[in-house]
Amino acid sequence: MRGRFKAIHRCLPRPEGRPRTPLFKSQRGNRLSCHAAADVIAKCGARAELPQKIIPHVLRHSFATAMVGNGCDIWHLSNMLGNNDIGTTQIYLHVNNEKLREQYDKGVPRLA
């Protein structure tokens, strides 16, 4: 396990279902509920004056899009996101026309 992922790994659910330690904590050190974490994320987006309301799903979608844009294949991404079906992962992806053209140019030889 790489060092940067150890903290997240400790927060993953155990076979019994409850994570070892909270990923997000309140000021008192208690585990944040899903709704409380979503509120914090939304407030950060508002403070940053982003044009749309930021919810956890937007962060997930942005992560998936960035991973694909940087060369991550969909099978590995699907595993990172915890999706059981690759078809579910495809929902998160945008077709980047520049990347699409780049891939096409790699695969199709140019005629001189």
PDB file of N, CA and C in Angstrom:
ATOM      1  N   MET A   1       0.860  -1.186   0.000  1.00  0.00           N
ATOM      2  CA  MET A   1       0.000   0.000   0.000  1.00  0.00           C
ATOM      3  C   MET A   1       0.893   1.231   0.000  1.00  0.00           C
ATOM      4  N   ARG A   2       0.673   2.111  -0.940  1.00  0.00           N
ATOM      5  CA  ARG A   2       1.453   3.340  -1.017  1.00  0.00           C
ATOM      6  C   ARG A   2       1.110   4.268   0.133  1.00  0.00           C
ATOM      7  N   GLY A   3       2.091   5.063   0.550  1.00  0.00           N
ATOM      8  CA  GLY A   3       1.943   5.946   1.692  1.00  0.00           C
ATOM      9  C   GLY A   3       0.765   6.890   1.601  1.00  0.00           C
ATOM     10  N   ARG A   4       0.537   7.474   0.440  1.00  0.00           N
ATOM     11  CA  ARG A   4      -0.523   8.475   0.328  1.00  0.00           C
ATOM     12  C   ARG A   4      -1.920   7.874   0.429  1.00  0.00           C
ATOM     13  N   PHE A   5      -2.044   6.567   0.265  1.00  0.00           N
ATOM     14  CA  PHE A   5      -3.356   5.938   0.346  1.00  0.00           C
ATOM     15  C   PHE A   5      -3.608   5.256   1.687  1.00  0.00           C
ATOM     16  N   LYS A   6      -2.611   5.214   2.559  1.00  0.00           N
ATOM     17  CA  LYS A   6      -2.780   4.529   3.847  1.00  0.00           C
ATOM     18  C   LYS A   6      -3.909   5.134   4.670  1.00  0.00           C
ATOM     19  N   ALA A   7      -4.001   6.459   4.694  1.00  0.00           N
ATOM     20  CA  ALA A   7      -5.042   7.115   5.486  1.00  0.00           C
ATOM     21  C   ALA A   7      -6.426   6.751   4.961  1.00  0.00           C
ATOM     22  N   ILE A   8      -6.579   6.732   3.661  1.00  0.00           N
ATOM     23  CA  ILE A   8      -7.878   6.380   3.082  1.00  0.00           C
ATOM     24  C   ILE A   8      -8.168   4.900   3.317  1.00  0.00           C
ATOM     25  N   HIS A   9      -7.147   4.060   3.191  1.00  0.00           N
ATOM     26  CA  HIS A   9      -7.340   2.621   3.400  1.00  0.00           C
ATOM     27  C   HIS A   9      -7.861   2.341   4.814  1.00  0.00           C
ATOM     28  N   ARG A  10      -7.368   3.080   5.790  1.00  0.00           N
ATOM     29  CA  ARG A  10      -7.835   2.888   7.168  1.00  0.00           C
ATOM     30  C   ARG A  10      -9.309   3.239   7.306  1.00  0.00           C
ATOM     31  N   CYS A  11      -9.820   4.061   6.395  1.00  0.00           N
ATOM     32  CA  CYS A  11     -11.223   4.501   6.472  1.00  0.00           C
ATOM     33  C   CYS A  11     -12.170   3.612   5.680  1.00  0.00           C
ATOM     34  N   LEU A  12     -11.626   2.663   4.945  1.00  0.00           N
ATOM     35  CA  LEU A  12     -12.484   1.777   4.155  1.00  0.00           C
ATOM     36  C   LEU A  12     -13.229   0.820   5.078  1.00  0.00           C
ATOM     37  N   PRO A  13     -14.443   0.421   4.689  1.00  0.00           N
ATOM     38  CA  PRO A  13     -15.208  -0.494   5.527  1.00  0.00           C
ATOM     39  C   PRO A  13     -14.492  -1.832   5.703  1.00  0.00           C
ATOM     40  N   ARG A  14     -14.576  -2.362   6.881  1.00  0.00           N
ATOM     41  CA  ARG A  14     -14.066  -3.702   7.171  1.00  0.00           C
ATOM     42  C   ARG A  14     -15.140  -4.698   6.789  1.00  0.00           C
ATOM     43  N   PRO A  15     -14.820  -5.984   6.819  1.00  0.00           N
ATOM     44  CA  PRO A  15     -15.849  -6.988   6.488  1.00  0.00           C
ATOM     45  C   PRO A  15     -17.115  -6.844   7.333  1.00  0.00           C
ATOM     46  N   GLU A  16     -16.975  -6.345   8.566  1.00  0.00           N
ATOM     47  CA  GLU A  16     -18.147  -6.162   9.427  1.00  0.00           C
ATOM     48  C   GLU A  16     -19.004  -4.986   8.960  1.00  0.00           C
ATOM     49  N   GLY A  17     -18.459  -4.138   8.070  1.00  0.00           N
ATOM     50  CA  GLY A  17     -19.241  -3.045   7.507  1.00  0.00           C
ATOM     51  C   GLY A  17     -18.877  -1.654   7.974  1.00  0.00           C
ATOM     52  N   ARG A  18     -18.312  -1.488   9.152  1.00  0.00           N
ATOM     53  CA  ARG A  18     -18.001  -0.148   9.672  1.00  0.00           C
ATOM     54  C   ARG A  18     -16.524   0.162   9.441  1.00  0.00           C
ATOM     55  N   PRO A  19     -16.195   1.338   8.902  1.00  0.00           N
ATOM     56  CA  PRO A  19     -14.785   1.698   8.700  1.00  0.00           C
ATOM     57  C   PRO A  19     -14.027   1.759  10.026  1.00  0.00           C
ATOM     58  N   ARG A  20     -12.720   1.569   9.961  1.00  0.00           N
ATOM     59  CA  ARG A  20     -11.874   1.600  11.141  1.00  0.00           C
ATOM     60  C   ARG A  20     -11.860   2.992  11.773  1.00  0.00           C
ATOM     61  N   THR A  21     -11.616   4.002  10.959  1.00  0.00           N
ATOM     62  CA  THR A  21     -11.562   5.383  11.446  1.00  0.00           C
ATOM     63  C   THR A  21     -12.374   6.250  10.503  1.00  0.00           C
ATOM     64  N   PRO A  22     -12.877   7.369  10.984  1.00  0.00           N
ATOM     65  CA  PRO A  22     -13.658   8.238  10.092  1.00  0.00           C
ATOM     66  C   PRO A  22     -12.765   8.928   9.061  1.00  0.00           C
ATOM     67  N   LEU A  23     -13.261   9.058   7.848  1.00  0.00           N
ATOM     68  CA  LEU A  23     -12.544   9.792   6.803  1.00  0.00           C
ATOM     69  C   LEU A  23     -12.694  11.282   7.049  1.00  0.00           C
ATOM     70  N   PHE A  24     -13.893  11.703   7.448  1.00  0.00           N
ATOM     71  CA  PHE A  24     -14.156  13.106   7.766  1.00  0.00           C
ATOM     72  C   PHE A  24     -14.618  13.193   9.216  1.00  0.00           C
ATOM     73  N   LYS A  25     -14.007  14.119   9.959  1.00  0.00           N
ATOM     74  CA  LYS A  25     -14.349  14.284  11.371  1.00  0.00           C
ATOM     75  C   LYS A  25     -14.935  15.663  11.616  1.00  0.00           C
ATOM     76  N   SER A  26     -15.806  15.733  12.624  1.00  0.00           N
ATOM     77  CA  SER A  26     -16.356  17.015  13.057  1.00  0.00           C
ATOM     78  C   SER A  26     -15.306  17.736  13.895  1.00  0.00           C
ATOM     79  N   GLN A  27     -15.605  18.963  14.296  1.00  0.00           N
ATOM     80  CA  GLN A  27     -14.675  19.708  15.144  1.00  0.00           C
ATOM     81  C   GLN A  27     -14.459  19.006  16.474  1.00  0.00           C
ATOM     82  N   ARG A  28     -15.429  18.226  16.898  1.00  0.00           N
ATOM     83  CA  ARG A  28     -15.305  17.480  18.156  1.00  0.00           C
ATOM     84  C   ARG A  28     -14.593  16.139  17.972  1.00  0.00           C
ATOM     85  N   GLY A  29     -14.263  15.801  16.722  1.00  0.00           N
ATOM     86  CA  GLY A  29     -13.569  14.545  16.463  1.00  0.00           C
ATOM     87  C   GLY A  29     -14.467  13.367  16.168  1.00  0.00           C
ATOM     88  N   ASN A  30     -15.773  13.609  16.084  1.00  0.00           N
ATOM     89  CA  ASN A  30     -16.720  12.540  15.767  1.00  0.00           C
ATOM     90  C   ASN A  30     -16.813  12.347  14.253  1.00  0.00           C
ATOM     91  N   ARG A  31     -17.297  11.188  13.862  1.00  0.00           N
ATOM     92  CA  ARG A  31     -17.495  10.881  12.447  1.00  0.00           C
ATOM     93  C   ARG A  31     -18.578  11.795  11.865  1.00  0.00           C
ATOM     94  N   LEU A  32     -18.308  12.430  10.724  1.00  0.00           N
ATOM     95  CA  LEU A  32     -19.323  13.249  10.059  1.00  0.00           C
ATOM     96  C   LEU A  32     -20.300  12.337   9.331  1.00  0.00           C
ATOM     97  N   SER A  33     -21.556  12.668   9.394  1.00  0.00           N
ATOM     98  CA  SER A  33     -22.548  11.915   8.625  1.00  0.00           C
ATOM     99  C   SER A  33     -22.384  12.282   7.147  1.00  0.00           C
ATOM    100  N   CYS A  34     -22.990  11.500   6.284  1.00  0.00           N
ATOM    101  CA  CYS A  34     -22.940  11.789   4.841  1.00  0.00           C
ATOM    102  C   CYS A  34     -23.506  13.175   4.553  1.00  0.00           C
ATOM    103  N   HIS A  35     -24.596  13.515   5.227  1.00  0.00           N
ATOM    104  CA  HIS A  35     -25.236  14.810   5.003  1.00  0.00           C
ATOM    105  C   HIS A  35     -24.353  15.958   5.492  1.00  0.00           C
ATOM    106  N   ALA A  36     -23.708  15.775   6.628  1.00  0.00           N
ATOM    107  CA  ALA A  36     -22.826  16.814   7.160  1.00  0.00           C
ATOM    108  C   ALA A  36     -21.627  17.021   6.246  1.00  0.00           C
ATOM    109  N   ALA A  37     -21.051  15.924   5.735  1.00  0.00           N
ATOM    110  CA  ALA A  37     -19.919  16.033   4.812  1.00  0.00           C
ATOM    111  C   ALA A  37     -20.352  16.749   3.527  1.00  0.00           C
ATOM    112  N   ALA A  38     -21.548  16.432   3.030  1.00  0.00           N
ATOM    113  CA  ALA A  38     -22.070  17.091   1.829  1.00  0.00           C
ATOM    114  C   ALA A  38     -22.268  18.585   2.072  1.00  0.00           C
ATOM    115  N   ASP A  39     -22.724  18.947   3.268  1.00  0.00           N
ATOM    116  CA  ASP A  39     -22.891  20.371   3.601  1.00  0.00           C
ATOM    117  C   ASP A  39     -21.553  21.100   3.600  1.00  0.00           C
ATOM    118  N   VAL A  40     -20.524  20.478   4.156  1.00  0.00           N
ATOM    119  CA  VAL A  40     -19.185  21.084   4.177  1.00  0.00           C
ATOM    120  C   VAL A  40     -18.681  21.289   2.751  1.00  0.00           C
ATOM    121  N   ILE A  41     -18.859  20.285   1.914  1.00  0.00           N
ATOM    122  CA  ILE A  41     -18.416  20.371   0.517  1.00  0.00           C
ATOM    123  C   ILE A  41     -19.171  21.480  -0.213  1.00  0.00           C
ATOM    124  N   ALA A  42     -20.479  21.570  -0.002  1.00  0.00           N
ATOM    125  CA  ALA A  42     -21.292  22.615  -0.644  1.00  0.00           C
ATOM    126  C   ALA A  42     -20.847  24.006  -0.187  1.00  0.00           C
ATOM    127  N   LYS A  43     -20.561  24.158   1.113  1.00  0.00           N
ATOM    128  CA  LYS A  43     -20.110  25.456   1.627  1.00  0.00           C
ATOM    129  C   LYS A  43     -18.762  25.852   1.042  1.00  0.00           C
ATOM    130  N   CYS A  44     -17.873  24.894   0.863  1.00  0.00           N
ATOM    131  CA  CYS A  44     -16.571  25.186   0.252  1.00  0.00           C
ATOM    132  C   CYS A  44     -16.757  25.657  -1.194  1.00  0.00           C
ATOM    133  N   GLY A  45     -17.656  25.007  -1.913  1.00  0.00           N
ATOM    134  CA  GLY A  45     -17.948  25.419  -3.288  1.00  0.00           C
ATOM    135  C   GLY A  45     -18.531  26.809  -3.354  1.00  0.00           C
ATOM    136  N   ALA A  46     -19.424  27.122  -2.423  1.00  0.00           N
ATOM    137  CA  ALA A  46     -20.040  28.452  -2.374  1.00  0.00           C
ATOM    138  C   ALA A  46     -18.990  29.511  -2.028  1.00  0.00           C
ATOM    139  N   ARG A  47     -18.113  29.196  -1.066  1.00  0.00           N
ATOM    140  CA  ARG A  47     -17.059  30.136  -0.692  1.00  0.00           C
ATOM    141  C   ARG A  47     -16.113  30.411  -1.849  1.00  0.00           C
ATOM    142  N   ALA A  48     -15.913  29.397  -2.674  1.00  0.00           N
ATOM    143  CA  ALA A  48     -15.045  29.545  -3.850  1.00  0.00           C
ATOM    144  C   ALA A  48     -15.780  30.219  -5.007  1.00  0.00           C
ATOM    145  N   GLU A  49     -17.062  30.530  -4.787  1.00  0.00           N
ATOM    146  CA  GLU A  49     -17.911  31.187  -5.783  1.00  0.00           C
ATOM    147  C   GLU A  49     -17.996  30.395  -7.089  1.00  0.00           C
ATOM    148  N   LEU A  50     -18.118  29.071  -6.948  1.00  0.00           N
ATOM    149  CA  LEU A  50     -18.274  28.227  -8.123  1.00  0.00           C
ATOM    150  C   LEU A  50     -19.688  28.386  -8.669  1.00  0.00           C
ATOM    151  N   PRO A  51     -19.854  28.277  -9.978  1.00  0.00           N
ATOM    152  CA  PRO A  51     -21.159  28.553 -10.588  1.00  0.00           C
ATOM    153  C   PRO A  51     -22.253  27.539 -10.264  1.00  0.00           C
ATOM    154  N   GLN A  52     -21.898  26.330  -9.887  1.00  0.00           N
ATOM    155  CA  GLN A  52     -22.913  25.340  -9.560  1.00  0.00           C
ATOM    156  C   GLN A  52     -22.715  24.853  -8.134  1.00  0.00           C
ATOM    157  N   LYS A  53     -23.772  24.304  -7.554  1.00  0.00           N
ATOM    158  CA  LYS A  53     -23.670  23.747  -6.206  1.00  0.00           C
ATOM    159  C   LYS A  53     -22.787  22.500  -6.276  1.00  0.00           C
ATOM    160  N   ILE A  54     -21.826  22.421  -5.380  1.00  0.00           N
ATOM    161  CA  ILE A  54     -20.918  21.283  -5.375  1.00  0.00           C
ATOM    162  C   ILE A  54     -21.421  20.253  -4.362  1.00  0.00           C
ATOM    163  N   ILE A  55     -21.624  19.057  -4.855  1.00  0.00           N
ATOM    164  CA  ILE A  55     -22.047  17.944  -4.018  1.00  0.00           C
ATOM    165  C   ILE A  55     -20.999  16.833  -4.174  1.00  0.00           C
ATOM    166  N   PRO A  56     -20.966  15.866  -3.274  1.00  0.00           N
ATOM    167  CA  PRO A  56     -19.961  14.804  -3.384  1.00  0.00           C
ATOM    168  C   PRO A  56     -19.946  14.113  -4.750  1.00  0.00           C
ATOM    169  N   HIS A  57     -21.102  13.952  -5.357  1.00  0.00           N
ATOM    170  CA  HIS A  57     -21.144  13.298  -6.674  1.00  0.00           C
ATOM    171  C   HIS A  57     -20.366  14.100  -7.719  1.00  0.00           C
ATOM    172  N   VAL A  58     -20.393  15.420  -7.625  1.00  0.00           N
ATOM    173  CA  VAL A  58     -19.638  16.266  -8.563  1.00  0.00           C
ATOM    174  C   VAL A  58     -18.145  15.998  -8.393  1.00  0.00           C
ATOM    175  N   LEU A  59     -17.690  15.842  -7.146  1.00  0.00           N
ATOM    176  CA  LEU A  59     -16.276  15.530  -6.910  1.00  0.00           C
ATOM    177  C   LEU A  59     -15.928  14.163  -7.489  1.00  0.00           C
ATOM    178  N   ARG A  60     -16.814  13.199  -7.315  1.00  0.00           N
ATOM    179  CA  ARG A  60     -16.597  11.848  -7.853  1.00  0.00           C
ATOM    180  C   ARG A  60     -16.515  11.894  -9.379  1.00  0.00           C
ATOM    181  N   HIS A  61     -17.439  12.627  -9.980  1.00  0.00           N
ATOM    182  CA  HIS A  61     -17.479  12.755 -11.437  1.00  0.00           C
ATOM    183  C   HIS A  61     -16.205  13.457 -11.947  1.00  0.00           C
ATOM    184  N   SER A  62     -15.796  14.506 -11.268  1.00  0.00           N
ATOM    185  CA  SER A  62     -14.587  15.238 -11.663  1.00  0.00           C
ATOM    186  C   SER A  62     -13.357  14.343 -11.551  1.00  0.00           C
ATOM    187  N   PHE A  63     -13.285  13.562 -10.471  1.00  0.00           N
ATOM    188  CA  PHE A  63     -12.181  12.625 -10.284  1.00  0.00           C
ATOM    189  C   PHE A  63     -12.130  11.631 -11.440  1.00  0.00           C
ATOM    190  N   ALA A  64     -13.282  11.028 -11.761  1.00  0.00           N
ATOM    191  CA  ALA A  64     -13.336  10.031 -12.831  1.00  0.00           C
ATOM    192  C   ALA A  64     -12.938  10.638 -14.172  1.00  0.00           C
ATOM    193  N   THR A  65     -13.432  11.818 -14.457  1.00  0.00           N
ATOM    194  CA  THR A  65     -13.115  12.488 -15.718  1.00  0.00           C
ATOM    195  C   THR A  65     -11.624  12.810 -15.801  1.00  0.00           C
ATOM    196  N   ALA A  66     -11.049  13.300 -14.704  1.00  0.00           N
ATOM    197  CA  ALA A  66      -9.617  13.626 -14.684  1.00  0.00           C
ATOM    198  C   ALA A  66      -8.775  12.365 -14.851  1.00  0.00           C
ATOM    199  N   MET A  67      -9.169  11.282 -14.220  1.00  0.00           N
ATOM    200  CA  MET A  67      -8.415  10.027 -14.328  1.00  0.00           C
ATOM    201  C   MET A  67      -8.389   9.538 -15.769  1.00  0.00           C
ATOM    202  N   VAL A  68      -9.543   9.558 -16.426  1.00  0.00           N
ATOM    203  CA  VAL A  68      -9.594   9.120 -17.825  1.00  0.00           C
ATOM    204  C   VAL A  68      -8.783  10.071 -18.703  1.00  0.00           C
ATOM    205  N   GLY A  69      -8.897  11.362 -18.455  1.00  0.00           N
ATOM    206  CA  GLY A  69      -8.147  12.349 -19.229  1.00  0.00           C
ATOM    207  C   GLY A  69      -6.648  12.205 -19.086  1.00  0.00           C
ATOM    208  N   ASN A  70      -6.216  11.609 -17.977  1.00  0.00           N
ATOM    209  CA  ASN A  70      -4.791  11.405 -17.751  1.00  0.00           C
ATOM    210  C   ASN A  70      -4.344   9.978 -18.053  1.00  0.00           C
ATOM    211  N   GLY A  71      -5.208   9.229 -18.760  1.00  0.00           N
ATOM    212  CA  GLY A  71      -4.799   7.924 -19.267  1.00  0.00           C
ATOM    213  C   GLY A  71      -5.225   6.706 -18.464  1.00  0.00           C
ATOM    214  N   CYS A  72      -5.993   6.873 -17.415  1.00  0.00           N
ATOM    215  CA  CYS A  72      -6.449   5.718 -16.631  1.00  0.00           C
ATOM    216  C   CYS A  72      -7.476   4.940 -17.456  1.00  0.00           C
ATOM    217  N   ASP A  73      -7.314   3.622 -17.516  1.00  0.00           N
ATOM    218  CA  ASP A  73      -8.298   2.848 -18.273  1.00  0.00           C
ATOM    219  C   ASP A  73      -9.560   2.631 -17.436  1.00  0.00           C
ATOM    220  N   ILE A  74     -10.642   2.372 -18.128  1.00  0.00           N
ATOM    221  CA  ILE A  74     -11.953   2.329 -17.487  1.00  0.00           C
ATOM    222  C   ILE A  74     -12.077   1.168 -16.508  1.00  0.00           C
ATOM    223  N   TRP A  75     -11.392   0.053 -16.761  1.00  0.00           N
ATOM    224  CA  TRP A  75     -11.481  -1.087 -15.862  1.00  0.00           C
ATOM    225  C   TRP A  75     -10.892  -0.739 -14.493  1.00  0.00           C
ATOM    226  N   HIS A  76      -9.701  -0.137 -14.489  1.00  0.00           N
ATOM    227  CA  HIS A  76      -9.085   0.254 -13.219  1.00  0.00           C
ATOM    228  C   HIS A  76      -9.908   1.347 -12.526  1.00  0.00           C
ATOM    229  N   LEU A  77     -10.398   2.293 -13.311  1.00  0.00           N
ATOM    230  CA  LEU A  77     -11.218   3.354 -12.737  1.00  0.00           C
ATOM    231  C   LEU A  77     -12.472   2.773 -12.086  1.00  0.00           C
ATOM    232  N   SER A  78     -13.088   1.819 -12.739  1.00  0.00           N
ATOM    233  CA  SER A  78     -14.279   1.181 -12.197  1.00  0.00           C
ATOM    234  C   SER A  78     -13.982   0.564 -10.833  1.00  0.00           C
ATOM    235  N   ASN A  79     -12.825  -0.071 -10.711  1.00  0.00           N
ATOM    236  CA  ASN A  79     -12.427  -0.654  -9.427  1.00  0.00           C
ATOM    237  C   ASN A  79     -12.164   0.423  -8.383  1.00  0.00           C
ATOM    238  N   MET A  80     -11.515   1.525  -8.783  1.00  0.00           N
ATOM    239  CA  MET A  80     -11.247   2.612  -7.837  1.00  0.00           C
ATOM    240  C   MET A  80     -12.541   3.212  -7.309  1.00  0.00           C
ATOM    241  N   LEU A  81     -13.539   3.335  -8.180  1.00  0.00           N
ATOM    242  CA  LEU A  81     -14.814   3.923  -7.785  1.00  0.00           C
ATOM    243  C   LEU A  81     -15.701   2.938  -7.027  1.00  0.00           C
ATOM    244  N   GLY A  82     -15.312   1.668  -7.040  1.00  0.00           N
ATOM    245  CA  GLY A  82     -16.103   0.659  -6.339  1.00  0.00           C
ATOM    246  C   GLY A  82     -17.346   0.233  -7.094  1.00  0.00           C
ATOM    247  N   ASN A  83     -17.348   0.433  -8.404  1.00  0.00           N
ATOM    248  CA  ASN A  83     -18.499   0.031  -9.218  1.00  0.00           C
ATOM    249  C   ASN A  83     -18.410  -1.452  -9.553  1.00  0.00           C
ATOM    250  N   ASN A  84     -19.517  -2.144  -9.507  1.00  0.00           N
ATOM    251  CA  ASN A  84     -19.553  -3.563  -9.847  1.00  0.00           C
ATOM    252  C   ASN A  84     -19.628  -3.786 -11.351  1.00  0.00           C
ATOM    253  N   ASP A  85     -20.075  -2.780 -12.075  1.00  0.00           N
ATOM    254  CA  ASP A  85     -20.303  -2.902 -13.510  1.00  0.00           C
ATOM    255  C   ASP A  85     -19.598  -1.755 -14.232  1.00  0.00           C
ATOM    256  N   ILE A  86     -18.804  -2.080 -15.236  1.00  0.00           N
ATOM    257  CA  ILE A  86     -18.099  -1.041 -15.992  1.00  0.00           C
ATOM    258  C   ILE A  86     -19.089  -0.094 -16.652  1.00  0.00           C
ATOM    259  N   GLY A  87     -20.266  -0.591 -17.013  1.00  0.00           N
ATOM    260  CA  GLY A  87     -21.294   0.266 -17.603  1.00  0.00           C
ATOM    261  C   GLY A  87     -21.669   1.415 -16.683  1.00  0.00           C
ATOM    262  N   THR A  88     -21.649   1.163 -15.383  1.00  0.00           N
ATOM    263  CA  THR A  88     -21.932   2.227 -14.419  1.00  0.00           C
ATOM    264  C   THR A  88     -20.846   3.283 -14.464  1.00  0.00           C
ATOM    265  N   THR A  89     -19.610   2.856 -14.616  1.00  0.00           N
ATOM    266  CA  THR A  89     -18.475   3.786 -14.665  1.00  0.00           C
ATOM    267  C   THR A  89     -18.559   4.681 -15.900  1.00  0.00           C
ATOM    268  N   GLN A  90     -19.047   4.145 -17.003  1.00  0.00           N
ATOM    269  CA  GLN A  90     -19.114   4.923 -18.234  1.00  0.00           C
ATOM    270  C   GLN A  90     -20.012   6.146 -18.100  1.00  0.00           C
ATOM    271  N   ILE A  91     -20.944   6.115 -17.172  1.00  0.00           N
ATOM    272  CA  ILE A  91     -21.826   7.261 -16.946  1.00  0.00           C
ATOM    273  C   ILE A  91     -21.014   8.492 -16.549  1.00  0.00           C
ATOM    274  N   TYR A  92     -19.905   8.266 -15.829  1.00  0.00           N
ATOM    275  CA  TYR A  92     -19.094   9.372 -15.332  1.00  0.00           C
ATOM    276  C   TYR A  92     -18.191   9.998 -16.388  1.00  0.00           C
ATOM    277  N   LEU A  93     -18.090   9.386 -17.530  1.00  0.00           N
ATOM    278  CA  LEU A  93     -17.080   9.808 -18.501  1.00  0.00           C
ATOM    279  C   LEU A  93     -17.640  10.768 -19.546  1.00  0.00           C
ATOM    280  N   HIS A  94     -16.816  11.726 -19.912  1.00  0.00           N
ATOM    281  CA  HIS A  94     -17.117  12.633 -21.018  1.00  0.00           C
ATOM    282  C   HIS A  94     -16.182  12.267 -22.159  1.00  0.00           C
ATOM    283  N   VAL A  95     -16.642  12.420 -23.354  1.00  0.00           N
ATOM    284  CA  VAL A  95     -15.747  12.230 -24.484  1.00  0.00           C
ATOM    285  C   VAL A  95     -15.039  13.554 -24.718  1.00  0.00           C
ATOM    286  N   ASN A  96     -13.755  13.538 -24.541  1.00  0.00           N
ATOM    287  CA  ASN A  96     -12.935  14.719 -24.755  1.00  0.00           C
ATOM    288  C   ASN A  96     -12.490  14.685 -26.213  1.00  0.00           C
ATOM    289  N   ASN A  97     -13.017  15.589 -27.039  1.00  0.00           N
ATOM    290  CA  ASN A  97     -12.744  15.564 -28.474  1.00  0.00           C
ATOM    291  C   ASN A  97     -11.256  15.665 -28.806  1.00  0.00           C
ATOM    292  N   GLU A  98     -10.527  16.447 -28.026  1.00  0.00           N
ATOM    293  CA  GLU A  98      -9.087  16.577 -28.275  1.00  0.00           C
ATOM    294  C   GLU A  98      -8.387  15.247 -28.022  1.00  0.00           C
ATOM    295  N   LYS A  99      -8.729  14.594 -26.917  1.00  0.00           N
ATOM    296  CA  LYS A  99      -8.139  13.284 -26.605  1.00  0.00           C
ATOM    297  C   LYS A  99      -8.577  12.240 -27.629  1.00  0.00           C
ATOM    298  N   LEU A 100      -9.837  12.321 -28.054  1.00  0.00           N
ATOM    299  CA  LEU A 100     -10.347  11.396 -29.053  1.00  0.00           C
ATOM    300  C   LEU A 100      -9.550  11.532 -30.351  1.00  0.00           C
ATOM    301  N   ARG A 101      -9.300  12.750 -30.767  1.00  0.00           N
ATOM    302  CA  ARG A 101      -8.525  12.996 -31.992  1.00  0.00           C
ATOM    303  C   ARG A 101      -7.085  12.503 -31.828  1.00  0.00           C
ATOM    304  N   GLU A 102      -6.527  12.731 -30.652  1.00  0.00           N
ATOM    305  CA  GLU A 102      -5.162  12.287 -30.356  1.00  0.00           C
ATOM    306  C   GLU A 102      -5.055  10.760 -30.481  1.00  0.00           C
ATOM    307  N   GLN A 103      -6.027  10.052 -29.920  1.00  0.00           N
ATOM    308  CA  GLN A 103      -6.033   8.593 -29.982  1.00  0.00           C
ATOM    309  C   GLN A 103      -6.231   8.110 -31.421  1.00  0.00           C
ATOM    310  N   TYR A 104      -7.097   8.789 -32.134  1.00  0.00           N
ATOM    311  CA  TYR A 104      -7.332   8.441 -33.535  1.00  0.00           C
ATOM    312  C   TYR A 104      -6.043   8.601 -34.337  1.00  0.00           C
ATOM    313  N   ASP A 105      -5.368   9.726 -34.130  1.00  0.00           N
ATOM    314  CA  ASP A 105      -4.127   9.986 -34.861  1.00  0.00           C
ATOM    315  C   ASP A 105      -3.042   8.955 -34.549  1.00  0.00           C
ATOM    316  N   LYS A 106      -3.035   8.420 -33.334  1.00  0.00           N
ATOM    317  CA  LYS A 106      -2.069   7.390 -32.975  1.00  0.00           C
ATOM    318  C   LYS A 106      -2.355   6.095 -33.724  1.00  0.00           C
ATOM    319  N   GLY A 107      -3.631   5.791 -33.880  1.00  0.00           N
ATOM    320  CA  GLY A 107      -4.019   4.514 -34.466  1.00  0.00           C
ATOM    321  C   GLY A 107      -4.118   4.502 -35.983  1.00  0.00           C
ATOM    322  N   VAL A 108      -4.357   5.641 -36.574  1.00  0.00           N
ATOM    323  CA  VAL A 108      -4.532   5.708 -38.031  1.00  0.00           C
ATOM    324  C   VAL A 108      -3.349   6.442 -38.644  1.00  0.00           C
ATOM    325  N   PRO A 109      -2.598   5.758 -39.514  1.00  0.00           N
ATOM    326  CA  PRO A 109      -1.440   6.441 -40.116  1.00  0.00           C
ATOM    327  C   PRO A 109      -1.899   7.531 -41.066  1.00  0.00           C
ATOM    328  N   ARG A 110      -1.148   8.618 -41.081  1.00  0.00           N
ATOM    329  CA  ARG A 110      -1.474   9.730 -41.982  1.00  0.00           C
ATOM    330  C   ARG A 110      -0.923   9.445 -43.367  1.00  0.00           C
ATOM    331  N   LEU A 111      -1.697   9.852 -44.346  1.00  0.00           N
ATOM    332  CA  LEU A 111      -1.247   9.721 -45.724  1.00  0.00           C
ATOM    333  C   LEU A 111      -0.451  10.957 -46.093  1.00  0.00           C
ATOM    334  N   ALA A 112       0.677  10.749 -46.693  1.00  0.00           N
ATOM    335  CA  ALA A 112       1.537  11.887 -47.044  1.00  0.00           C
ATOM    336  C   ALA A 112       1.069  12.615 -48.263  1.00  0.00           C
TER     337      ALA A 112
END
